[in-house]
Amino acid sequence: MDSNPLSDSLPKAGKSEIYALFALPVGVYSCPNFATVKKEIFKWIETQDIRPEHDRLAITHNVSQIGKRNTILEDNASVADFLLKSCKDYNEGAYYYDLDFAISDAYLELASKGALYAPHEHSNCIYSATLLINYQEGHSPLKFRRNVAGSYYPVMQFPNKDYTAFNMTEATVPMKEGDLIIYPSSMTHGYEGNPYDDRVSMTVNFIPDK
């Protein structure tokens, strides 16, 4: 009788796996014919007021709003079409909600040297996006931050030997001028220490349209 009760077909050693659960999607979409789009937007900017006073002063420094909210899309229908198409593509590649979408909010912002945007989220919308209109080498990238607070207690953290997808508390994605970055509105984001003037971007919020 064989003294080994285990079949030879069983694995000799146990296997282990680590799974990444509940990943948050960040999409990057390049605006077609952006050189022409940028010229049209800057032509529009020339007709608008630069507004140092806006409703986000509590979380910004050296950031001004260009024109009134939402008027940029009223005067640039092709940009609105690109935003909505990108939102649809993002939804189908990520959450796959059975929804159509509308734009609830859109505004242009001018970040000067030393500008910062404190980490924040957006309310009363499902997705948010940032279109980089004038974004040169050295301008501050949009950064995303992991929520490390539990429901009742802070999450314990210690020094790391190296960074992994599981222990990073802050990250970004490759981005360039003309890119639209789409993310869940509840995802914490912002930027800091913008070293150069004239960083121009558009912030957009999407809501269900059904």
N, C-alpha and C. Protein backbone atom coordinates (compact mmCIF):
# COMPACT_ATOMS: atom_id res chain seq x y z
N MET A 1 0.84 -1.20 0.00
CA MET A 1 0.00 0.00 0.00
C MET A 1 0.88 1.25 0.00
N ASP A 2 0.50 2.21 -0.82
CA ASP A 2 1.27 3.47 -0.90
C ASP A 2 1.13 4.22 0.41
N SER A 3 2.28 4.62 0.98
CA SER A 3 2.24 5.35 2.25
C SER A 3 1.78 6.79 2.09
N ASN A 4 1.82 7.30 0.84
CA ASN A 4 1.37 8.68 0.59
C ASN A 4 -0.11 8.66 0.20
N PRO A 5 -0.98 9.21 1.05
CA PRO A 5 -2.41 9.15 0.75
C PRO A 5 -2.85 10.16 -0.31
N LEU A 6 -1.95 11.09 -0.70
CA LEU A 6 -2.32 12.13 -1.65
C LEU A 6 -2.04 11.67 -3.08
N SER A 7 -2.91 12.01 -3.99
CA SER A 7 -2.73 11.67 -5.40
C SER A 7 -1.59 12.49 -5.99
N ASP A 8 -0.86 11.89 -6.92
CA ASP A 8 0.24 12.61 -7.59
C ASP A 8 -0.28 13.77 -8.44
N SER A 9 -1.58 13.77 -8.74
CA SER A 9 -2.13 14.83 -9.57
C SER A 9 -2.41 16.10 -8.79
N LEU A 10 -2.37 16.05 -7.48
CA LEU A 10 -2.59 17.25 -6.67
C LEU A 10 -1.35 18.12 -6.68
N PRO A 11 -1.53 19.44 -6.60
CA PRO A 11 -0.35 20.32 -6.58
C PRO A 11 0.51 20.05 -5.35
N LYS A 12 1.81 20.16 -5.55
CA LYS A 12 2.74 19.88 -4.45
C LYS A 12 2.77 20.99 -3.42
N ALA A 13 2.43 22.19 -3.83
CA ALA A 13 2.47 23.32 -2.89
C ALA A 13 1.27 24.22 -3.15
N GLY A 14 0.84 24.90 -2.10
CA GLY A 14 -0.29 25.81 -2.24
C GLY A 14 0.06 27.03 -3.10
N LYS A 15 -0.94 27.59 -3.73
CA LYS A 15 -0.74 28.79 -4.54
C LYS A 15 -1.42 29.97 -3.87
N SER A 16 -0.90 31.16 -4.10
CA SER A 16 -1.50 32.37 -3.52
C SER A 16 -1.63 33.43 -4.59
N GLU A 17 -2.61 34.27 -4.43
CA GLU A 17 -2.87 35.37 -5.36
C GLU A 17 -3.21 36.62 -4.57
N ILE A 18 -2.85 37.78 -5.12
CA ILE A 18 -3.29 39.07 -4.58
C ILE A 18 -4.09 39.75 -5.67
N TYR A 19 -5.31 40.13 -5.35
CA TYR A 19 -6.21 40.73 -6.33
C TYR A 19 -6.36 42.23 -6.06
N ALA A 20 -6.40 43.00 -7.13
CA ALA A 20 -6.69 44.43 -7.01
C ALA A 20 -8.20 44.62 -7.16
N LEU A 21 -8.87 44.92 -6.08
CA LEU A 21 -10.32 45.06 -6.08
C LEU A 21 -10.73 46.54 -6.13
N PHE A 22 -11.83 46.81 -6.78
CA PHE A 22 -12.45 48.13 -6.76
C PHE A 22 -11.53 49.22 -7.29
N ALA A 23 -10.92 48.97 -8.43
CA ALA A 23 -10.06 49.99 -9.05
C ALA A 23 -10.90 51.17 -9.50
N LEU A 24 -10.32 52.37 -9.47
CA LEU A 24 -11.00 53.58 -9.91
C LEU A 24 -10.50 53.95 -11.31
N PRO A 25 -11.41 54.13 -12.27
CA PRO A 25 -10.99 54.40 -13.64
C PRO A 25 -10.73 55.88 -13.91
N VAL A 26 -9.61 56.17 -14.54
CA VAL A 26 -9.29 57.52 -15.02
C VAL A 26 -9.04 57.40 -16.52
N GLY A 27 -9.86 58.08 -17.32
CA GLY A 27 -9.74 58.01 -18.76
C GLY A 27 -9.06 59.23 -19.35
N VAL A 28 -8.28 59.04 -20.41
CA VAL A 28 -7.60 60.13 -21.11
C VAL A 28 -8.00 60.07 -22.59
N TYR A 29 -8.56 61.17 -23.10
CA TYR A 29 -9.07 61.22 -24.46
C TYR A 29 -8.47 62.44 -25.17
N SER A 30 -7.85 62.23 -26.31
CA SER A 30 -7.23 63.32 -27.06
C SER A 30 -8.28 64.02 -27.92
N CYS A 31 -8.32 65.33 -27.83
CA CYS A 31 -9.27 66.12 -28.60
C CYS A 31 -8.82 66.18 -30.06
N PRO A 32 -9.66 65.74 -30.99
CA PRO A 32 -9.26 65.80 -32.41
C PRO A 32 -9.14 67.24 -32.90
N ASN A 33 -8.21 67.46 -33.82
CA ASN A 33 -7.98 68.80 -34.39
C ASN A 33 -7.78 69.85 -33.31
N PHE A 34 -6.99 69.48 -32.29
CA PHE A 34 -6.91 70.36 -31.13
C PHE A 34 -6.27 71.70 -31.45
N ALA A 35 -5.34 71.76 -32.38
CA ALA A 35 -4.72 73.05 -32.72
C ALA A 35 -5.78 74.06 -33.15
N THR A 36 -6.75 73.61 -33.94
CA THR A 36 -7.84 74.49 -34.37
C THR A 36 -8.77 74.81 -33.21
N VAL A 37 -9.07 73.80 -32.40
CA VAL A 37 -9.94 74.01 -31.24
C VAL A 37 -9.32 75.02 -30.28
N LYS A 38 -8.02 74.91 -30.07
CA LYS A 38 -7.34 75.82 -29.15
C LYS A 38 -7.43 77.26 -29.66
N LYS A 39 -7.23 77.45 -30.97
CA LYS A 39 -7.34 78.81 -31.52
C LYS A 39 -8.74 79.38 -31.31
N GLU A 40 -9.77 78.55 -31.50
CA GLU A 40 -11.14 79.00 -31.31
C GLU A 40 -11.41 79.36 -29.86
N ILE A 41 -10.89 78.55 -28.95
CA ILE A 41 -11.09 78.83 -27.52
C ILE A 41 -10.38 80.11 -27.12
N PHE A 42 -9.15 80.32 -27.61
CA PHE A 42 -8.42 81.53 -27.25
C PHE A 42 -9.06 82.77 -27.88
N LYS A 43 -9.64 82.62 -29.04
CA LYS A 43 -10.38 83.73 -29.63
C LYS A 43 -11.58 84.09 -28.75
N TRP A 44 -12.23 83.05 -28.21
CA TRP A 44 -13.35 83.26 -27.27
C TRP A 44 -12.86 83.94 -25.99
N ILE A 45 -11.71 83.50 -25.49
CA ILE A 45 -11.16 84.06 -24.25
C ILE A 45 -10.93 85.57 -24.38
N GLU A 46 -10.52 86.01 -25.57
CA GLU A 46 -10.26 87.44 -25.78
C GLU A 46 -11.51 88.29 -25.58
N THR A 47 -12.68 87.70 -25.66
CA THR A 47 -13.94 88.45 -25.50
C THR A 47 -14.48 88.38 -24.07
N GLN A 48 -13.76 87.67 -23.19
CA GLN A 48 -14.26 87.42 -21.84
C GLN A 48 -13.48 88.18 -20.78
N ASP A 49 -14.10 88.31 -19.61
CA ASP A 49 -13.42 88.90 -18.46
C ASP A 49 -12.66 87.82 -17.70
N ILE A 50 -11.51 88.21 -17.12
CA ILE A 50 -10.79 87.34 -16.20
C ILE A 50 -11.33 87.64 -14.81
N ARG A 51 -11.83 86.62 -14.12
CA ARG A 51 -12.53 86.81 -12.85
C ARG A 51 -11.72 86.21 -11.69
N PRO A 52 -10.97 87.05 -10.96
CA PRO A 52 -10.25 86.53 -9.79
C PRO A 52 -11.20 86.04 -8.69
N GLU A 53 -12.42 86.63 -8.67
CA GLU A 53 -13.41 86.22 -7.67
C GLU A 53 -14.32 85.14 -8.26
N HIS A 54 -14.38 84.00 -7.59
CA HIS A 54 -15.26 82.91 -8.02
C HIS A 54 -15.61 82.07 -6.80
N ASP A 55 -16.45 81.05 -6.99
CA ASP A 55 -16.95 80.32 -5.83
C ASP A 55 -16.03 79.19 -5.37
N ARG A 56 -14.78 79.16 -5.87
CA ARG A 56 -13.84 78.12 -5.45
C ARG A 56 -12.61 78.72 -4.76
N LEU A 57 -12.74 79.94 -4.28
CA LEU A 57 -11.60 80.62 -3.66
C LEU A 57 -11.10 79.89 -2.42
N ALA A 58 -11.98 79.18 -1.73
CA ALA A 58 -11.58 78.50 -0.49
C ALA A 58 -10.61 77.35 -0.75
N ILE A 59 -10.59 76.84 -1.98
CA ILE A 59 -9.72 75.68 -2.27
C ILE A 59 -8.68 76.00 -3.34
N THR A 60 -8.56 77.27 -3.74
CA THR A 60 -7.60 77.63 -4.78
C THR A 60 -6.72 78.79 -4.35
N HIS A 61 -5.61 78.93 -5.06
CA HIS A 61 -4.71 80.09 -4.88
C HIS A 61 -4.14 80.43 -6.25
N ASN A 62 -4.22 81.71 -6.62
CA ASN A 62 -3.73 82.18 -7.92
C ASN A 62 -4.44 81.51 -9.09
N VAL A 63 -5.72 81.21 -8.91
CA VAL A 63 -6.53 80.63 -9.98
C VAL A 63 -7.70 81.57 -10.25
N SER A 64 -7.86 82.00 -11.50
CA SER A 64 -8.95 82.88 -11.91
C SER A 64 -9.88 82.14 -12.87
N GLN A 65 -11.14 82.54 -12.85
CA GLN A 65 -12.10 81.99 -13.81
C GLN A 65 -12.16 82.89 -15.03
N ILE A 66 -12.27 82.28 -16.20
CA ILE A 66 -12.36 83.03 -17.45
C ILE A 66 -13.80 83.00 -17.93
N GLY A 67 -14.45 84.16 -17.93
CA GLY A 67 -15.84 84.23 -18.37
C GLY A 67 -16.80 83.63 -17.37
N LYS A 68 -18.07 83.59 -17.75
CA LYS A 68 -19.10 83.02 -16.89
C LYS A 68 -19.15 81.51 -17.05
N ARG A 69 -19.70 80.84 -16.07
CA ARG A 69 -19.87 79.40 -16.13
C ARG A 69 -20.75 79.02 -17.32
N ASN A 70 -20.39 77.94 -17.99
CA ASN A 70 -21.18 77.30 -19.05
C ASN A 70 -21.20 78.06 -20.38
N THR A 71 -20.82 79.32 -20.42
CA THR A 71 -20.91 80.07 -21.68
C THR A 71 -19.93 79.57 -22.72
N ILE A 72 -18.80 78.98 -22.30
CA ILE A 72 -17.81 78.48 -23.25
C ILE A 72 -18.42 77.43 -24.18
N LEU A 73 -19.29 76.57 -23.65
CA LEU A 73 -19.88 75.51 -24.47
C LEU A 73 -21.05 76.03 -25.30
N GLU A 74 -21.70 77.06 -24.82
CA GLU A 74 -22.76 77.68 -25.62
C GLU A 74 -22.19 78.26 -26.91
N ASP A 75 -20.96 78.72 -26.86
CA ASP A 75 -20.33 79.35 -28.02
C ASP A 75 -19.40 78.41 -28.80
N ASN A 76 -19.22 77.18 -28.29
CA ASN A 76 -18.32 76.22 -28.94
C ASN A 76 -18.97 74.84 -28.94
N ALA A 77 -19.93 74.65 -29.84
CA ALA A 77 -20.71 73.41 -29.86
C ALA A 77 -19.85 72.19 -30.16
N SER A 78 -18.81 72.33 -30.96
CA SER A 78 -17.98 71.17 -31.29
C SER A 78 -17.24 70.65 -30.07
N VAL A 79 -16.86 71.56 -29.17
CA VAL A 79 -16.20 71.14 -27.93
C VAL A 79 -17.19 70.37 -27.05
N ALA A 80 -18.42 70.85 -26.96
CA ALA A 80 -19.44 70.16 -26.18
C ALA A 80 -19.68 68.76 -26.73
N ASP A 81 -19.71 68.63 -28.05
CA ASP A 81 -19.91 67.32 -28.67
C ASP A 81 -18.78 66.36 -28.30
N PHE A 82 -17.53 66.86 -28.35
CA PHE A 82 -16.38 66.04 -27.97
C PHE A 82 -16.47 65.60 -26.51
N LEU A 83 -16.86 66.51 -25.63
CA LEU A 83 -16.97 66.18 -24.21
C LEU A 83 -18.00 65.08 -23.98
N LEU A 84 -19.17 65.21 -24.59
CA LEU A 84 -20.24 64.23 -24.38
C LEU A 84 -19.88 62.87 -24.99
N LYS A 85 -19.25 62.88 -26.17
CA LYS A 85 -18.84 61.61 -26.78
C LYS A 85 -17.79 60.92 -25.90
N SER A 86 -16.85 61.68 -25.38
CA SER A 86 -15.82 61.09 -24.52
C SER A 86 -16.42 60.54 -23.24
N CYS A 87 -17.39 61.26 -22.68
CA CYS A 87 -18.06 60.78 -21.47
C CYS A 87 -18.77 59.45 -21.74
N LYS A 88 -19.43 59.35 -22.89
CA LYS A 88 -20.11 58.11 -23.26
C LYS A 88 -19.10 56.97 -23.38
N ASP A 89 -17.98 57.22 -24.06
CA ASP A 89 -16.95 56.19 -24.22
C ASP A 89 -16.38 55.77 -22.86
N TYR A 90 -16.15 56.75 -21.99
CA TYR A 90 -15.63 56.46 -20.66
C TYR A 90 -16.60 55.59 -19.88
N ASN A 91 -17.86 55.95 -19.90
CA ASN A 91 -18.86 55.18 -19.17
C ASN A 91 -18.93 53.73 -19.67
N GLU A 92 -18.89 53.56 -21.00
CA GLU A 92 -18.99 52.21 -21.56
C GLU A 92 -17.74 51.38 -21.26
N GLY A 93 -16.61 52.04 -21.05
CA GLY A 93 -15.39 51.31 -20.73
C GLY A 93 -15.16 51.11 -19.25
N ALA A 94 -15.96 51.79 -18.42
CA ALA A 94 -15.74 51.74 -16.98
C ALA A 94 -16.98 51.22 -16.24
N TYR A 95 -17.88 52.10 -15.87
CA TYR A 95 -19.02 51.71 -15.03
C TYR A 95 -20.17 51.09 -15.81
N TYR A 96 -20.27 51.41 -17.09
CA TYR A 96 -21.26 50.81 -17.98
C TYR A 96 -22.70 51.03 -17.46
N TYR A 97 -22.96 52.21 -16.93
CA TYR A 97 -24.31 52.56 -16.50
C TYR A 97 -25.23 52.66 -17.72
N ASP A 98 -26.48 52.28 -17.53
CA ASP A 98 -27.48 52.40 -18.58
C ASP A 98 -28.05 53.82 -18.55
N LEU A 99 -27.23 54.76 -19.00
CA LEU A 99 -27.57 56.18 -18.90
C LEU A 99 -27.11 56.94 -20.13
N ASP A 100 -27.82 58.02 -20.43
CA ASP A 100 -27.29 59.07 -21.27
C ASP A 100 -26.78 60.18 -20.36
N PHE A 101 -25.98 61.09 -20.91
CA PHE A 101 -25.35 62.10 -20.05
C PHE A 101 -25.56 63.50 -20.60
N ALA A 102 -25.57 64.45 -19.67
CA ALA A 102 -25.64 65.87 -20.01
C ALA A 102 -24.55 66.58 -19.22
N ILE A 103 -24.17 67.76 -19.68
CA ILE A 103 -23.17 68.57 -18.98
C ILE A 103 -23.90 69.54 -18.07
N SER A 104 -23.62 69.45 -16.78
CA SER A 104 -24.27 70.35 -15.81
C SER A 104 -23.46 71.60 -15.55
N ASP A 105 -22.16 71.54 -15.80
CA ASP A 105 -21.29 72.63 -15.40
C ASP A 105 -20.03 72.60 -16.25
N ALA A 106 -19.58 73.77 -16.70
CA ALA A 106 -18.31 73.86 -17.43
C ALA A 106 -17.75 75.26 -17.24
N TYR A 107 -16.48 75.35 -16.90
CA TYR A 107 -15.87 76.67 -16.72
C TYR A 107 -14.37 76.58 -17.01
N LEU A 108 -13.84 77.68 -17.54
CA LEU A 108 -12.42 77.80 -17.84
C LEU A 108 -11.70 78.44 -16.66
N GLU A 109 -10.48 77.95 -16.42
CA GLU A 109 -9.68 78.51 -15.32
C GLU A 109 -8.26 78.80 -15.80
N LEU A 110 -7.74 79.91 -15.31
CA LEU A 110 -6.38 80.35 -15.60
C LEU A 110 -5.55 80.23 -14.32
N ALA A 111 -4.54 79.37 -14.35
CA ALA A 111 -3.66 79.19 -13.19
C ALA A 111 -2.36 79.95 -13.44
N SER A 112 -2.03 80.86 -12.53
CA SER A 112 -0.80 81.65 -12.64
C SER A 112 0.33 80.94 -11.90
N LYS A 113 1.50 81.54 -11.94
CA LYS A 113 2.66 80.97 -11.24
C LYS A 113 2.34 80.84 -9.75
N GLY A 114 2.66 79.69 -9.18
CA GLY A 114 2.39 79.45 -7.77
C GLY A 114 0.99 78.97 -7.47
N ALA A 115 0.19 78.76 -8.51
CA ALA A 115 -1.21 78.36 -8.29
C ALA A 115 -1.28 76.97 -7.68
N LEU A 116 -2.34 76.77 -6.89
CA LEU A 116 -2.63 75.44 -6.38
C LEU A 116 -4.13 75.25 -6.31
N TYR A 117 -4.53 74.00 -6.36
CA TYR A 117 -5.93 73.60 -6.25
C TYR A 117 -5.96 72.51 -5.20
N ALA A 118 -6.48 72.82 -4.02
CA ALA A 118 -6.48 71.87 -2.92
C ALA A 118 -7.23 70.59 -3.29
N PRO A 119 -6.84 69.45 -2.75
CA PRO A 119 -7.56 68.20 -3.04
C PRO A 119 -9.05 68.35 -2.72
N HIS A 120 -9.89 67.93 -3.66
CA HIS A 120 -11.33 68.13 -3.52
C HIS A 120 -12.08 67.11 -4.37
N GLU A 121 -13.38 67.04 -4.18
CA GLU A 121 -14.28 66.24 -5.00
C GLU A 121 -15.39 67.14 -5.51
N HIS A 122 -16.22 66.62 -6.43
CA HIS A 122 -17.35 67.38 -6.96
C HIS A 122 -18.64 66.71 -6.53
N SER A 123 -19.64 67.52 -6.20
CA SER A 123 -20.93 67.00 -5.74
C SER A 123 -22.00 67.18 -6.81
N ASN A 124 -23.07 66.43 -6.67
CA ASN A 124 -24.24 66.54 -7.55
C ASN A 124 -23.92 66.24 -9.01
N CYS A 125 -22.98 65.35 -9.24
CA CYS A 125 -22.64 64.90 -10.60
C CYS A 125 -22.04 63.51 -10.49
N ILE A 126 -21.97 62.82 -11.63
CA ILE A 126 -21.50 61.43 -11.61
C ILE A 126 -20.05 61.31 -12.08
N TYR A 127 -19.72 62.05 -13.14
CA TYR A 127 -18.34 62.09 -13.64
C TYR A 127 -17.90 63.54 -13.75
N SER A 128 -16.59 63.76 -13.62
CA SER A 128 -16.01 65.08 -13.84
C SER A 128 -14.83 64.94 -14.80
N ALA A 129 -14.41 66.05 -15.37
CA ALA A 129 -13.33 65.99 -16.37
C ALA A 129 -12.55 67.29 -16.38
N THR A 130 -11.31 67.19 -16.85
CA THR A 130 -10.43 68.35 -17.02
C THR A 130 -9.87 68.32 -18.43
N LEU A 131 -10.11 69.39 -19.19
CA LEU A 131 -9.54 69.53 -20.53
C LEU A 131 -8.35 70.48 -20.45
N LEU A 132 -7.17 70.00 -20.84
CA LEU A 132 -5.95 70.81 -20.78
C LEU A 132 -5.82 71.62 -22.06
N ILE A 133 -6.09 72.92 -21.96
CA ILE A 133 -6.16 73.79 -23.13
C ILE A 133 -4.82 74.46 -23.42
N ASN A 134 -4.19 75.03 -22.40
CA ASN A 134 -2.82 75.53 -22.55
C ASN A 134 -2.01 74.87 -21.44
N TYR A 135 -1.29 73.84 -21.83
CA TYR A 135 -0.58 73.00 -20.86
C TYR A 135 0.78 72.68 -21.43
N GLN A 136 1.78 73.44 -20.95
CA GLN A 136 3.14 73.31 -21.47
C GLN A 136 3.99 72.50 -20.51
N GLU A 137 5.14 72.08 -21.00
CA GLU A 137 6.07 71.33 -20.14
C GLU A 137 6.40 72.14 -18.90
N GLY A 138 6.23 71.54 -17.75
CA GLY A 138 6.48 72.22 -16.49
C GLY A 138 5.22 72.64 -15.76
N HIS A 139 4.10 72.78 -16.47
CA HIS A 139 2.85 73.08 -15.78
C HIS A 139 2.47 71.92 -14.86
N SER A 140 1.82 72.23 -13.75
CA SER A 140 1.48 71.19 -12.77
C SER A 140 0.47 70.21 -13.34
N PRO A 141 0.73 68.91 -13.18
CA PRO A 141 -0.24 67.91 -13.64
C PRO A 141 -1.38 67.75 -12.64
N LEU A 142 -2.49 67.26 -13.14
CA LEU A 142 -3.60 66.91 -12.26
C LEU A 142 -3.21 65.66 -11.48
N LYS A 143 -3.40 65.70 -10.16
CA LYS A 143 -3.05 64.56 -9.31
C LYS A 143 -4.31 64.00 -8.65
N PHE A 144 -4.28 62.70 -8.40
CA PHE A 144 -5.39 62.03 -7.74
C PHE A 144 -4.90 61.47 -6.41
N ARG A 145 -5.79 61.48 -5.43
CA ARG A 145 -5.41 61.06 -4.08
C ARG A 145 -6.32 59.95 -3.59
N ARG A 146 -5.72 58.94 -2.99
CA ARG A 146 -6.46 57.83 -2.41
C ARG A 146 -7.11 58.27 -1.09
N ASN A 147 -8.33 57.86 -0.89
CA ASN A 147 -9.00 58.11 0.38
C ASN A 147 -8.53 57.06 1.38
N VAL A 148 -7.75 57.47 2.38
CA VAL A 148 -7.17 56.52 3.33
C VAL A 148 -7.87 56.55 4.68
N ALA A 149 -9.05 57.14 4.74
CA ALA A 149 -9.81 57.16 5.98
C ALA A 149 -10.86 56.07 5.96
N GLY A 150 -11.00 55.33 7.06
CA GLY A 150 -12.06 54.34 7.18
C GLY A 150 -13.36 55.00 7.62
N SER A 151 -14.39 54.20 7.74
CA SER A 151 -15.70 54.74 8.14
C SER A 151 -15.68 55.27 9.57
N TYR A 152 -14.88 54.64 10.43
CA TYR A 152 -14.88 55.04 11.84
C TYR A 152 -13.50 55.44 12.35
N TYR A 153 -12.43 54.89 11.77
CA TYR A 153 -11.09 55.15 12.28
C TYR A 153 -10.15 55.43 11.11
N PRO A 154 -9.08 56.18 11.35
CA PRO A 154 -8.07 56.34 10.28
C PRO A 154 -7.41 55.01 9.95
N VAL A 155 -6.99 54.85 8.70
CA VAL A 155 -6.28 53.65 8.29
C VAL A 155 -4.82 53.79 8.70
N MET A 156 -4.26 52.74 9.34
CA MET A 156 -2.87 52.78 9.78
C MET A 156 -1.93 52.79 8.58
N GLN A 157 -0.90 53.64 8.63
CA GLN A 157 0.08 53.72 7.56
C GLN A 157 1.49 53.76 8.14
N PHE A 158 2.44 53.18 7.41
CA PHE A 158 3.82 53.09 7.85
C PHE A 158 4.74 53.39 6.66
N PRO A 159 6.01 53.64 6.90
CA PRO A 159 6.95 53.84 5.79
C PRO A 159 6.99 52.61 4.88
N ASN A 160 7.11 52.84 3.58
CA ASN A 160 7.13 51.75 2.61
C ASN A 160 8.54 51.51 2.07
N LYS A 161 8.84 50.26 1.78
CA LYS A 161 10.13 49.94 1.14
C LYS A 161 10.15 50.45 -0.30
N ASP A 162 9.00 50.39 -0.95
CA ASP A 162 8.88 50.85 -2.33
C ASP A 162 7.41 51.12 -2.60
N TYR A 163 7.10 51.81 -3.70
CA TYR A 163 5.72 52.10 -4.05
C TYR A 163 5.12 50.95 -4.86
N THR A 164 3.88 50.62 -4.54
CA THR A 164 3.11 49.65 -5.31
C THR A 164 1.74 50.27 -5.59
N ALA A 165 0.96 49.57 -6.42
CA ALA A 165 -0.39 50.05 -6.71
C ALA A 165 -1.27 50.06 -5.47
N PHE A 166 -0.85 49.34 -4.43
CA PHE A 166 -1.67 49.22 -3.24
C PHE A 166 -1.32 50.23 -2.15
N ASN A 167 -0.10 50.74 -2.15
CA ASN A 167 0.27 51.63 -1.04
C ASN A 167 0.42 53.09 -1.45
N MET A 168 0.32 53.40 -2.76
CA MET A 168 0.42 54.81 -3.18
C MET A 168 -0.78 55.59 -2.67
N THR A 169 -0.53 56.74 -2.12
CA THR A 169 -1.63 57.60 -1.67
C THR A 169 -1.90 58.73 -2.66
N GLU A 170 -1.00 58.91 -3.63
CA GLU A 170 -1.16 59.96 -4.63
C GLU A 170 -0.58 59.47 -5.95
N ALA A 171 -1.27 59.76 -7.05
CA ALA A 171 -0.79 59.29 -8.36
C ALA A 171 -1.35 60.19 -9.45
N THR A 172 -0.77 60.06 -10.63
CA THR A 172 -1.25 60.80 -11.78
C THR A 172 -1.22 59.87 -13.00
N VAL A 173 -1.64 60.37 -14.14
CA VAL A 173 -1.62 59.59 -15.39
C VAL A 173 -0.90 60.42 -16.44
N PRO A 174 -0.39 59.80 -17.50
CA PRO A 174 0.23 60.59 -18.58
C PRO A 174 -0.79 61.56 -19.17
N MET A 175 -0.40 62.80 -19.36
CA MET A 175 -1.31 63.80 -19.91
C MET A 175 -0.53 64.84 -20.68
N LYS A 176 -1.19 65.41 -21.67
CA LYS A 176 -0.55 66.45 -22.49
C LYS A 176 -1.62 67.45 -22.91
N GLU A 177 -1.18 68.55 -23.50
CA GLU A 177 -2.11 69.55 -23.99
C GLU A 177 -3.09 68.92 -24.99
N GLY A 178 -4.36 69.26 -24.84
CA GLY A 178 -5.39 68.70 -25.72
C GLY A 178 -6.05 67.46 -25.17
N ASP A 179 -5.55 66.95 -24.04
CA ASP A 179 -6.15 65.76 -23.43
C ASP A 179 -7.31 66.14 -22.52
N LEU A 180 -8.31 65.27 -22.53
CA LEU A 180 -9.43 65.35 -21.61
C LEU A 180 -9.28 64.20 -20.63
N ILE A 181 -9.18 64.52 -19.35
CA ILE A 181 -9.05 63.51 -18.31
C ILE A 181 -10.40 63.38 -17.60
N ILE A 182 -10.99 62.18 -17.63
CA ILE A 182 -12.31 61.94 -17.04
C ILE A 182 -12.14 61.00 -15.84
N TYR A 183 -12.88 61.27 -14.78
CA TYR A 183 -12.74 60.51 -13.54
C TYR A 183 -14.05 60.57 -12.75
N PRO A 184 -14.27 59.65 -11.83
CA PRO A 184 -15.46 59.74 -10.99
C PRO A 184 -15.45 61.04 -10.19
N SER A 185 -16.60 61.69 -10.09
CA SER A 185 -16.66 62.98 -9.39
C SER A 185 -16.28 62.86 -7.92
N SER A 186 -16.42 61.66 -7.35
CA SER A 186 -16.09 61.45 -5.94
C SER A 186 -14.61 61.18 -5.71
N MET A 187 -13.83 61.14 -6.77
CA MET A 187 -12.39 60.85 -6.66
C MET A 187 -11.64 62.13 -6.32
N THR A 188 -10.88 62.12 -5.26
CA THR A 188 -10.15 63.31 -4.80
C THR A 188 -9.06 63.69 -5.80
N HIS A 189 -8.99 64.98 -6.15
CA HIS A 189 -8.02 65.42 -7.15
C HIS A 189 -7.66 66.88 -6.90
N GLY A 190 -6.61 67.34 -7.56
CA GLY A 190 -6.15 68.73 -7.44
C GLY A 190 -4.75 68.85 -8.02
N TYR A 191 -4.10 69.98 -7.78
CA TYR A 191 -2.69 70.14 -8.19
C TYR A 191 -2.05 71.18 -7.28
N GLU A 192 -0.73 71.26 -7.35
CA GLU A 192 -0.02 72.16 -6.43
C GLU A 192 1.22 72.74 -7.08
N GLY A 193 1.66 73.87 -6.55
CA GLY A 193 2.94 74.45 -6.94
C GLY A 193 3.12 74.66 -8.43
N ASN A 194 2.08 75.17 -9.12
CA ASN A 194 2.24 75.41 -10.55
C ASN A 194 3.38 76.40 -10.78
N PRO A 195 4.45 76.00 -11.49
CA PRO A 195 5.64 76.86 -11.56
C PRO A 195 5.61 77.94 -12.62
N TYR A 196 4.64 77.89 -13.56
CA TYR A 196 4.63 78.85 -14.66
C TYR A 196 3.23 79.44 -14.85
N ASP A 197 3.20 80.63 -15.43
CA ASP A 197 1.92 81.28 -15.73
C ASP A 197 1.20 80.57 -16.88
N ASP A 198 -0.07 80.98 -17.04
CA ASP A 198 -0.86 80.65 -18.24
C ASP A 198 -1.21 79.17 -18.40
N ARG A 199 -1.42 78.49 -17.30
CA ARG A 199 -1.98 77.13 -17.38
C ARG A 199 -3.49 77.29 -17.50
N VAL A 200 -4.05 76.92 -18.65
CA VAL A 200 -5.48 77.10 -18.91
C VAL A 200 -6.14 75.73 -19.04
N SER A 201 -7.22 75.53 -18.30
CA SER A 201 -7.93 74.26 -18.35
C SER A 201 -9.42 74.50 -18.23
N MET A 202 -10.18 73.51 -18.66
CA MET A 202 -11.64 73.55 -18.52
C MET A 202 -12.06 72.42 -17.59
N THR A 203 -12.90 72.75 -16.63
CA THR A 203 -13.49 71.74 -15.75
C THR A 203 -14.93 71.49 -16.19
N VAL A 204 -15.29 70.21 -16.25
CA VAL A 204 -16.62 69.83 -16.73
C VAL A 204 -17.22 68.81 -15.77
N ASN A 205 -18.52 68.94 -15.50
CA ASN A 205 -19.24 67.96 -14.69
C ASN A 205 -20.36 67.36 -15.52
N PHE A 206 -20.53 66.05 -15.39
CA PHE A 206 -21.56 65.31 -16.14
C PHE A 206 -22.62 64.76 -15.17
N ILE A 207 -23.87 64.80 -15.62
CA ILE A 207 -24.97 64.25 -14.84
C ILE A 207 -25.78 63.31 -15.73
N PRO A 208 -26.57 62.42 -15.12
CA PRO A 208 -27.44 61.57 -15.93
C PRO A 208 -28.49 62.40 -16.68
N ASP A 209 -28.81 61.97 -17.89
CA ASP A 209 -29.80 62.66 -18.71
C ASP A 209 -30.79 61.61 -19.20
N LYS A 210 -31.68 61.21 -18.27
CA LYS A 210 -32.61 60.13 -18.61
C LYS A 210 -33.91 60.30 -17.86
